[in-house]
């Protein structure tokens, strides 16, 4: 894995960590400026402000934030399973 892909993955991990999401079963890969999110994701139980929080809307916000990272060209979430 090229060094710039590692740096981009770490940057995206930090951006996703700002959301109240359980990322323990989430795999984040960066390849040629494309971010791949795979695995399972869900809203953290007991996190402040998560009551009534829609996981779909949160994932849309995550995608927007990741696309705002300067070197990200695309975010692929095909292999992402949502636990409601």
PDB file of N, CA and C in Angstrom:
ATOM      1  N   UNK A   1       0.844  -1.176   0.000  1.00  0.00           N
ATOM      2  CA  UNK A   1       0.000   0.000   0.000  1.00  0.00           C
ATOM      3  C   UNK A   1       0.889   1.239   0.000  1.00  0.00           C
ATOM      4  N   UNK A   2       0.714   2.104  -0.965  1.00  0.00           N
ATOM      5  CA  UNK A   2       1.511   3.331  -1.012  1.00  0.00           C
ATOM      6  C   UNK A   2       1.282   4.202   0.225  1.00  0.00           C
ATOM      7  N   UNK A   3       2.289   4.959   0.560  1.00  0.00           N
ATOM      8  CA  UNK A   3       2.229   5.811   1.746  1.00  0.00           C
ATOM      9  C   UNK A   3       1.075   6.800   1.676  1.00  0.00           C
ATOM     10  N   UNK A   4       0.811   7.361   0.507  1.00  0.00           N
ATOM     11  CA  UNK A   4      -0.271   8.349   0.419  1.00  0.00           C
ATOM     12  C   UNK A   4      -1.640   7.698   0.653  1.00  0.00           C
ATOM     13  N   UNK A   5      -1.804   6.424   0.271  1.00  0.00           N
ATOM     14  CA  UNK A   5      -3.057   5.723   0.555  1.00  0.00           C
ATOM     15  C   UNK A   5      -3.212   5.490   2.053  1.00  0.00           C
ATOM     16  N   UNK A   6      -2.131   5.191   2.736  1.00  0.00           N
ATOM     17  CA  UNK A   6      -2.183   5.014   4.197  1.00  0.00           C
ATOM     18  C   UNK A   6      -2.576   6.314   4.885  1.00  0.00           C
ATOM     19  N   UNK A   7      -1.977   7.407   4.449  1.00  0.00           N
ATOM     20  CA  UNK A   7      -2.301   8.708   5.037  1.00  0.00           C
ATOM     21  C   UNK A   7      -3.759   9.068   4.780  1.00  0.00           C
ATOM     22  N   UNK A   8      -4.236   8.787   3.579  1.00  0.00           N
ATOM     23  CA  UNK A   8      -5.624   9.095   3.238  1.00  0.00           C
ATOM     24  C   UNK A   8      -6.583   8.243   4.064  1.00  0.00           C
ATOM     25  N   UNK A   9      -6.270   6.967   4.260  1.00  0.00           N
ATOM     26  CA  UNK A   9      -7.109   6.099   5.079  1.00  0.00           C
ATOM     27  C   UNK A   9      -7.183   6.615   6.509  1.00  0.00           C
ATOM     28  N   UNK A  10      -6.047   7.008   7.073  1.00  0.00           N
ATOM     29  CA  UNK A  10      -6.028   7.532   8.446  1.00  0.00           C
ATOM     30  C   UNK A  10      -6.835   8.830   8.550  1.00  0.00           C
ATOM     31  N   UNK A  11      -6.725   9.674   7.544  1.00  0.00           N
ATOM     32  CA  UNK A  11      -7.508  10.918   7.533  1.00  0.00           C
ATOM     33  C   UNK A  11      -8.996  10.612   7.517  1.00  0.00           C
ATOM     34  N   UNK A  12      -9.400   9.651   6.698  1.00  0.00           N
ATOM     35  CA  UNK A  12     -10.814   9.279   6.616  1.00  0.00           C
ATOM     36  C   UNK A  12     -11.290   8.627   7.902  1.00  0.00           C
ATOM     37  N   UNK A  13     -10.449   7.833   8.541  1.00  0.00           N
ATOM     38  CA  UNK A  13     -10.805   7.234   9.831  1.00  0.00           C
ATOM     39  C   UNK A  13     -11.080   8.325  10.868  1.00  0.00           C
ATOM     40  N   UNK A  14     -10.245   9.356  10.875  1.00  0.00           N
ATOM     41  CA  UNK A  14     -10.439  10.459  11.824  1.00  0.00           C
ATOM     42  C   UNK A  14     -11.747  11.203  11.542  1.00  0.00           C
ATOM     43  N   UNK A  15     -12.065  11.388  10.262  1.00  0.00           N
ATOM     44  CA  UNK A  15     -13.303  12.089   9.902  1.00  0.00           C
ATOM     45  C   UNK A  15     -14.533  11.269  10.310  1.00  0.00           C
ATOM     46  N   UNK A  16     -14.497   9.966  10.092  1.00  0.00           N
ATOM     47  CA  UNK A  16     -15.627   9.104  10.440  1.00  0.00           C
ATOM     48  C   UNK A  16     -15.782   9.024  11.954  1.00  0.00           C
ATOM     49  N   UNK A  17     -14.683   9.070  12.691  1.00  0.00           N
ATOM     50  CA  UNK A  17     -14.725   8.975  14.153  1.00  0.00           C
ATOM     51  C   UNK A  17     -15.448  10.161  14.789  1.00  0.00           C
ATOM     52  N   UNK A  18     -15.644  11.227  14.063  1.00  0.00           N
ATOM     53  CA  UNK A  18     -16.353  12.389  14.588  1.00  0.00           C
ATOM     54  C   UNK A  18     -17.850  12.127  14.717  1.00  0.00           C
ATOM     55  N   UNK A  19     -18.334  11.079  14.054  1.00  0.00           N
ATOM     56  CA  UNK A  19     -19.739  10.714  14.117  1.00  0.00           C
ATOM     57  C   UNK A  19     -19.939   9.680  15.224  1.00  0.00           C
ATOM     58  N   UNK A  20     -21.157   9.603  15.759  1.00  0.00           N
ATOM     59  CA  UNK A  20     -21.468   8.643  16.832  1.00  0.00           C
ATOM     60  C   UNK A  20     -21.793   7.286  16.211  1.00  0.00           C
ATOM     61  N   UNK A  21     -20.781   6.662  15.607  1.00  0.00           N
ATOM     62  CA  UNK A  21     -20.954   5.376  14.943  1.00  0.00           C
ATOM     63  C   UNK A  21     -20.041   4.333  15.566  1.00  0.00           C
ATOM     64  N   UNK A  22     -20.533   3.105  15.631  1.00  0.00           N
ATOM     65  CA  UNK A  22     -19.720   1.987  16.090  1.00  0.00           C
ATOM     66  C   UNK A  22     -18.938   1.484  14.878  1.00  0.00           C
ATOM     67  N   UNK A  23     -17.638   1.723  14.889  1.00  0.00           N
ATOM     68  CA  UNK A  23     -16.782   1.354  13.754  1.00  0.00           C
ATOM     69  C   UNK A  23     -15.967   0.100  14.032  1.00  0.00           C
ATOM     70  N   UNK A  24     -16.316  -0.646  15.068  1.00  0.00           N
ATOM     71  CA  UNK A  24     -15.503  -1.795  15.455  1.00  0.00           C
ATOM     72  C   UNK A  24     -15.479  -2.891  14.385  1.00  0.00           C
ATOM     73  N   UNK A  25     -16.496  -2.964  13.557  1.00  0.00           N
ATOM     74  CA  UNK A  25     -16.543  -3.976  12.500  1.00  0.00           C
ATOM     75  C   UNK A  25     -16.496  -3.341  11.115  1.00  0.00           C
ATOM     76  N   UNK A  26     -15.945  -2.150  11.038  1.00  0.00           N
ATOM     77  CA  UNK A  26     -15.850  -1.421   9.778  1.00  0.00           C
ATOM     78  C   UNK A  26     -14.423  -1.482   9.246  1.00  0.00           C
ATOM     79  N   UNK A  27     -14.295  -1.802   7.987  1.00  0.00           N
ATOM     80  CA  UNK A  27     -12.992  -1.816   7.325  1.00  0.00           C
ATOM     81  C   UNK A  27     -12.950  -0.648   6.346  1.00  0.00           C
ATOM     82  N   UNK A  28     -11.944   0.188   6.479  1.00  0.00           N
ATOM     83  CA  UNK A  28     -11.776   1.351   5.605  1.00  0.00           C
ATOM     84  C   UNK A  28     -10.521   1.134   4.777  1.00  0.00           C
ATOM     85  N   UNK A  29     -10.686   1.164   3.454  1.00  0.00           N
ATOM     86  CA  UNK A  29      -9.536   1.012   2.560  1.00  0.00           C
ATOM     87  C   UNK A  29      -9.455   2.222   1.645  1.00  0.00           C
ATOM     88  N   UNK A  30      -8.238   2.604   1.316  1.00  0.00           N
ATOM     89  CA  UNK A  30      -8.003   3.673   0.350  1.00  0.00           C
ATOM     90  C   UNK A  30      -7.136   3.102  -0.761  1.00  0.00           C
ATOM     91  N   UNK A  31      -7.591   3.267  -1.982  1.00  0.00           N
ATOM     92  CA  UNK A  31      -6.854   2.767  -3.128  1.00  0.00           C
ATOM     93  C   UNK A  31      -7.031   3.739  -4.285  1.00  0.00           C
ATOM     94  N   UNK A  32      -5.937   4.350  -4.697  1.00  0.00           N
ATOM     95  CA  UNK A  32      -5.958   5.311  -5.807  1.00  0.00           C
ATOM     96  C   UNK A  32      -6.980   6.426  -5.593  1.00  0.00           C
ATOM     97  N   UNK A  33      -7.009   6.964  -4.396  1.00  0.00           N
ATOM     98  CA  UNK A  33      -7.867   8.092  -4.020  1.00  0.00           C
ATOM     99  C   UNK A  33      -9.354   7.733  -3.991  1.00  0.00           C
ATOM    100  N   UNK A  34      -9.670   6.453  -3.903  1.00  0.00           N
ATOM    101  CA  UNK A  34     -11.043   5.987  -3.740  1.00  0.00           C
ATOM    102  C   UNK A  34     -11.128   5.317  -2.377  1.00  0.00           C
ATOM    103  N   UNK A  35     -12.149   5.666  -1.593  1.00  0.00           N
ATOM    104  CA  UNK A  35     -12.344   5.125  -0.254  1.00  0.00           C
ATOM    105  C   UNK A  35     -13.397   4.025  -0.327  1.00  0.00           C
ATOM    106  N   UNK A  36     -13.055   2.871   0.223  1.00  0.00           N
ATOM    107  CA  UNK A  36     -13.968   1.730   0.274  1.00  0.00           C
ATOM    108  C   UNK A  36     -14.343   1.479   1.726  1.00  0.00           C
ATOM    109  N   UNK A  37     -15.645   1.492   2.016  1.00  0.00           N
ATOM    110  CA  UNK A  37     -16.147   1.184   3.351  1.00  0.00           C
ATOM    111  C   UNK A  37     -16.819  -0.180   3.278  1.00  0.00           C
ATOM    112  N   UNK A  38     -16.344  -1.121   4.098  1.00  0.00           N
ATOM    113  CA  UNK A  38     -16.865  -2.484   4.080  1.00  0.00           C
ATOM    114  C   UNK A  38     -17.086  -2.951   5.512  1.00  0.00           C
ATOM    115  N   UNK A  39     -18.017  -3.868   5.687  1.00  0.00           N
ATOM    116  CA  UNK A  39     -18.271  -4.432   7.005  1.00  0.00           C
ATOM    117  C   UNK A  39     -19.615  -3.991   7.544  1.00  0.00           C
ATOM    118  N   UNK A  40     -19.685  -3.891   8.852  1.00  0.00           N
ATOM    119  CA  UNK A  40     -20.931  -3.515   9.525  1.00  0.00           C
ATOM    120  C   UNK A  40     -20.749  -2.181  10.245  1.00  0.00           C
ATOM    121  N   UNK A  41     -21.825  -1.414  10.234  1.00  0.00           N
ATOM    122  CA  UNK A  41     -21.794  -0.128  10.926  1.00  0.00           C
ATOM    123  C   UNK A  41     -23.152   0.106  11.571  1.00  0.00           C
ATOM    124  N   UNK A  42     -23.128   0.738  12.732  1.00  0.00           N
ATOM    125  CA  UNK A  42     -24.378   1.068  13.412  1.00  0.00           C
ATOM    126  C   UNK A  42     -24.150   2.278  14.298  1.00  0.00           C
ATOM    127  N   UNK A  43     -25.258   2.876  14.712  1.00  0.00           N
ATOM    128  CA  UNK A  43     -25.197   4.015  15.618  1.00  0.00           C
ATOM    129  C   UNK A  43     -24.800   3.485  16.988  1.00  0.00           C
ATOM    130  N   UNK A  44     -23.883   4.163  17.650  1.00  0.00           N
ATOM    131  CA  UNK A  44     -23.440   3.758  18.987  1.00  0.00           C
ATOM    132  C   UNK A  44     -24.591   3.840  19.975  1.00  0.00           C
ATOM    133  N   UNK A  45     -24.699   2.787  20.772  1.00  0.00           N
ATOM    134  CA  UNK A  45     -25.721   2.811  21.812  1.00  0.00           C
ATOM    135  C   UNK A  45     -25.285   3.743  22.925  1.00  0.00           C
ATOM    136  N   UNK A  46     -26.212   4.556  23.375  1.00  0.00           N
ATOM    137  CA  UNK A  46     -25.939   5.433  24.499  1.00  0.00           C
ATOM    138  C   UNK A  46     -25.152   6.681  24.167  1.00  0.00           C
ATOM    139  N   UNK A  47     -24.844   6.891  22.892  1.00  0.00           N
ATOM    140  CA  UNK A  47     -24.101   8.095  22.517  1.00  0.00           C
ATOM    141  C   UNK A  47     -25.025   9.312  22.640  1.00  0.00           C
ATOM    142  N   UNK A  48     -24.477  10.401  23.094  1.00  0.00           N
ATOM    143  CA  UNK A  48     -25.263  11.620  23.292  1.00  0.00           C
ATOM    144  C   UNK A  48     -25.810  12.122  21.960  1.00  0.00           C
ATOM    145  N   UNK A  49     -27.073  12.427  21.943  1.00  0.00           N
ATOM    146  CA  UNK A  49     -27.682  13.003  20.750  1.00  0.00           C
ATOM    147  C   UNK A  49     -28.035  12.001  19.668  1.00  0.00           C
ATOM    148  N   UNK A  50     -28.052  10.705  19.962  1.00  0.00           N
ATOM    149  CA  UNK A  50     -28.344   9.719  18.921  1.00  0.00           C
ATOM    150  C   UNK A  50     -29.782   9.244  18.922  1.00  0.00           C
ATOM    151  N   UNK A  51     -30.588   9.717  19.848  1.00  0.00           N
ATOM    152  CA  UNK A  51     -31.975   9.262  19.868  1.00  0.00           C
ATOM    153  C   UNK A  51     -32.686   9.770  18.617  1.00  0.00           C
ATOM    154  N   UNK A  52     -33.278   8.836  17.889  1.00  0.00           N
ATOM    155  CA  UNK A  52     -33.974   9.185  16.659  1.00  0.00           C
ATOM    156  C   UNK A  52     -33.049   9.465  15.501  1.00  0.00           C
ATOM    157  N   UNK A  53     -31.791   9.160  15.657  1.00  0.00           N
ATOM    158  CA  UNK A  53     -30.809   9.416  14.609  1.00  0.00           C
ATOM    159  C   UNK A  53     -30.932   8.368  13.513  1.00  0.00           C
ATOM    160  N   UNK A  54     -31.108   8.790  12.287  1.00  0.00           N
ATOM    161  CA  UNK A  54     -31.241   7.878  11.165  1.00  0.00           C
ATOM    162  C   UNK A  54     -29.857   7.465  10.668  1.00  0.00           C
ATOM    163  N   UNK A  55     -29.631   6.159  10.583  1.00  0.00           N
ATOM    164  CA  UNK A  55     -28.338   5.668  10.119  1.00  0.00           C
ATOM    165  C   UNK A  55     -28.103   6.025   8.656  1.00  0.00           C
ATOM    166  N   UNK A  56     -29.164   5.982   7.853  1.00  0.00           N
ATOM    167  CA  UNK A  56     -29.015   6.328   6.436  1.00  0.00           C
ATOM    168  C   UNK A  56     -28.587   7.782   6.262  1.00  0.00           C
ATOM    169  N   UNK A  57     -29.207   8.680   7.018  1.00  0.00           N
ATOM    170  CA  UNK A  57     -28.826  10.097   6.920  1.00  0.00           C
ATOM    171  C   UNK A  57     -27.413  10.325   7.434  1.00  0.00           C
ATOM    172  N   UNK A  58     -27.045   9.599   8.484  1.00  0.00           N
ATOM    173  CA  UNK A  58     -25.695   9.712   9.011  1.00  0.00           C
ATOM    174  C   UNK A  58     -24.678   9.248   7.972  1.00  0.00           C
ATOM    175  N   UNK A  59     -24.973   8.151   7.286  1.00  0.00           N
ATOM    176  CA  UNK A  59     -24.044   7.644   6.266  1.00  0.00           C
ATOM    177  C   UNK A  59     -23.948   8.589   5.078  1.00  0.00           C
ATOM    178  N   UNK A  60     -25.042   9.266   4.746  1.00  0.00           N
ATOM    179  CA  UNK A  60     -24.982  10.292   3.703  1.00  0.00           C
ATOM    180  C   UNK A  60     -24.060  11.430   4.138  1.00  0.00           C
ATOM    181  N   UNK A  61     -24.161  11.819   5.413  1.00  0.00           N
ATOM    182  CA  UNK A  61     -23.294  12.878   5.939  1.00  0.00           C
ATOM    183  C   UNK A  61     -21.838  12.432   5.945  1.00  0.00           C
ATOM    184  N   UNK A  62     -21.588  11.171   6.300  1.00  0.00           N
ATOM    185  CA  UNK A  62     -20.223  10.632   6.285  1.00  0.00           C
ATOM    186  C   UNK A  62     -19.667  10.689   4.865  1.00  0.00           C
ATOM    187  N   UNK A  63     -20.478  10.294   3.902  1.00  0.00           N
ATOM    188  CA  UNK A  63     -20.035  10.313   2.505  1.00  0.00           C
ATOM    189  C   UNK A  63     -19.697  11.734   2.056  1.00  0.00           C
ATOM    190  N   UNK A  64     -20.520  12.698   2.433  1.00  0.00           N
ATOM    191  CA  UNK A  64     -20.255  14.094   2.076  1.00  0.00           C
ATOM    192  C   UNK A  64     -18.950  14.592   2.695  1.00  0.00           C
ATOM    193  N   UNK A  65     -18.733  14.236   3.969  1.00  0.00           N
ATOM    194  CA  UNK A  65     -17.513  14.662   4.665  1.00  0.00           C
ATOM    195  C   UNK A  65     -16.285  14.045   3.999  1.00  0.00           C
ATOM    196  N   UNK A  66     -16.373  12.757   3.663  1.00  0.00           N
ATOM    197  CA  UNK A  66     -15.234  12.098   3.033  1.00  0.00           C
ATOM    198  C   UNK A  66     -14.955  12.666   1.649  1.00  0.00           C
ATOM    199  N   UNK A  67     -16.002  13.005   0.905  1.00  0.00           N
ATOM    200  CA  UNK A  67     -15.797  13.602  -0.413  1.00  0.00           C
ATOM    201  C   UNK A  67     -15.207  15.011  -0.322  1.00  0.00           C
ATOM    202  N   UNK A  68     -15.342  15.643   0.832  1.00  0.00           N
ATOM    203  CA  UNK A  68     -14.767  16.973   1.033  1.00  0.00           C
ATOM    204  C   UNK A  68     -13.269  16.917   1.324  1.00  0.00           C
ATOM    205  N   UNK A  69     -12.751  15.718   1.654  1.00  0.00           N
ATOM    206  CA  UNK A  69     -11.304  15.567   1.849  1.00  0.00           C
ATOM    207  C   UNK A  69     -10.647  15.817   0.490  1.00  0.00           C
ATOM    208  N   UNK A  70      -9.634  16.677   0.429  1.00  0.00           N
ATOM    209  CA  UNK A  70      -9.094  17.134  -0.854  1.00  0.00           C
ATOM    210  C   UNK A  70      -8.715  16.056  -1.874  1.00  0.00           C
ATOM    211  N   UNK A  71      -8.147  14.937  -1.468  1.00  0.00           N
ATOM    212  CA  UNK A  71      -7.677  13.973  -2.459  1.00  0.00           C
ATOM    213  C   UNK A  71      -8.649  12.821  -2.726  1.00  0.00           C
ATOM    214  N   UNK A  72      -9.795  12.800  -2.042  1.00  0.00           N
ATOM    215  CA  UNK A  72     -10.764  11.720  -2.260  1.00  0.00           C
ATOM    216  C   UNK A  72     -11.564  11.996  -3.524  1.00  0.00           C
ATOM    217  N   UNK A  73     -11.578  10.994  -4.423  1.00  0.00           N
ATOM    218  CA  UNK A  73     -12.342  11.121  -5.657  1.00  0.00           C
ATOM    219  C   UNK A  73     -13.716  10.472  -5.559  1.00  0.00           C
ATOM    220  N   UNK A  74     -13.812   9.384  -4.780  1.00  0.00           N
ATOM    221  CA  UNK A  74     -15.062   8.633  -4.715  1.00  0.00           C
ATOM    222  C   UNK A  74     -15.119   7.867  -3.400  1.00  0.00           C
ATOM    223  N   UNK A  75     -16.339   7.617  -2.926  1.00  0.00           N
ATOM    224  CA  UNK A  75     -16.559   6.800  -1.730  1.00  0.00           C
ATOM    225  C   UNK A  75     -17.476   5.652  -2.132  1.00  0.00           C
ATOM    226  N   UNK A  76     -17.010   4.418  -1.945  1.00  0.00           N
ATOM    227  CA  UNK A  76     -17.764   3.230  -2.322  1.00  0.00           C
ATOM    228  C   UNK A  76     -18.243   2.533  -1.060  1.00  0.00           C
ATOM    229  N   UNK A  77     -19.566   2.336  -0.949  1.00  0.00           N
ATOM    230  CA  UNK A  77     -20.140   1.693   0.233  1.00  0.00           C
ATOM    231  C   UNK A  77     -20.972   0.475  -0.161  1.00  0.00           C
ATOM    232  N   UNK A  78     -20.587  -0.250  -1.198  1.00  0.00           N
ATOM    233  CA  UNK A  78     -21.357  -1.394  -1.680  1.00  0.00           C
ATOM    234  C   UNK A  78     -21.386  -2.541  -0.689  1.00  0.00           C
ATOM    235  N   UNK A  79     -20.294  -2.806  -0.018  1.00  0.00           N
ATOM    236  CA  UNK A  79     -20.171  -3.946   0.889  1.00  0.00           C
ATOM    237  C   UNK A  79     -20.481  -3.558   2.333  1.00  0.00           C
ATOM    238  N   UNK A  80     -21.167  -2.460   2.527  1.00  0.00           N
ATOM    239  CA  UNK A  80     -21.459  -1.961   3.877  1.00  0.00           C
ATOM    240  C   UNK A  80     -22.817  -2.451   4.335  1.00  0.00           C
ATOM    241  N   UNK A  81     -22.851  -3.132   5.477  1.00  0.00           N
ATOM    242  CA  UNK A  81     -24.112  -3.607   6.050  1.00  0.00           C
ATOM    243  C   UNK A  81     -24.466  -2.701   7.213  1.00  0.00           C
ATOM    244  N   UNK A  82     -25.720  -2.280   7.225  1.00  0.00           N
ATOM    245  CA  UNK A  82     -26.169  -1.377   8.280  1.00  0.00           C
ATOM    246  C   UNK A  82     -26.950  -2.172   9.326  1.00  0.00           C
ATOM    247  N   UNK A  83     -26.565  -2.054  10.583  1.00  0.00           N
ATOM    248  CA  UNK A  83     -27.301  -2.650  11.694  1.00  0.00           C
ATOM    249  C   UNK A  83     -28.136  -1.560  12.330  1.00  0.00           C
ATOM    250  N   UNK A  84     -29.433  -1.706  12.281  1.00  0.00           N
ATOM    251  CA  UNK A  84     -30.331  -0.669  12.811  1.00  0.00           C
ATOM    252  C   UNK A  84     -30.650  -0.910  14.244  1.00  0.00           C
TER     253      UNK A  84
END
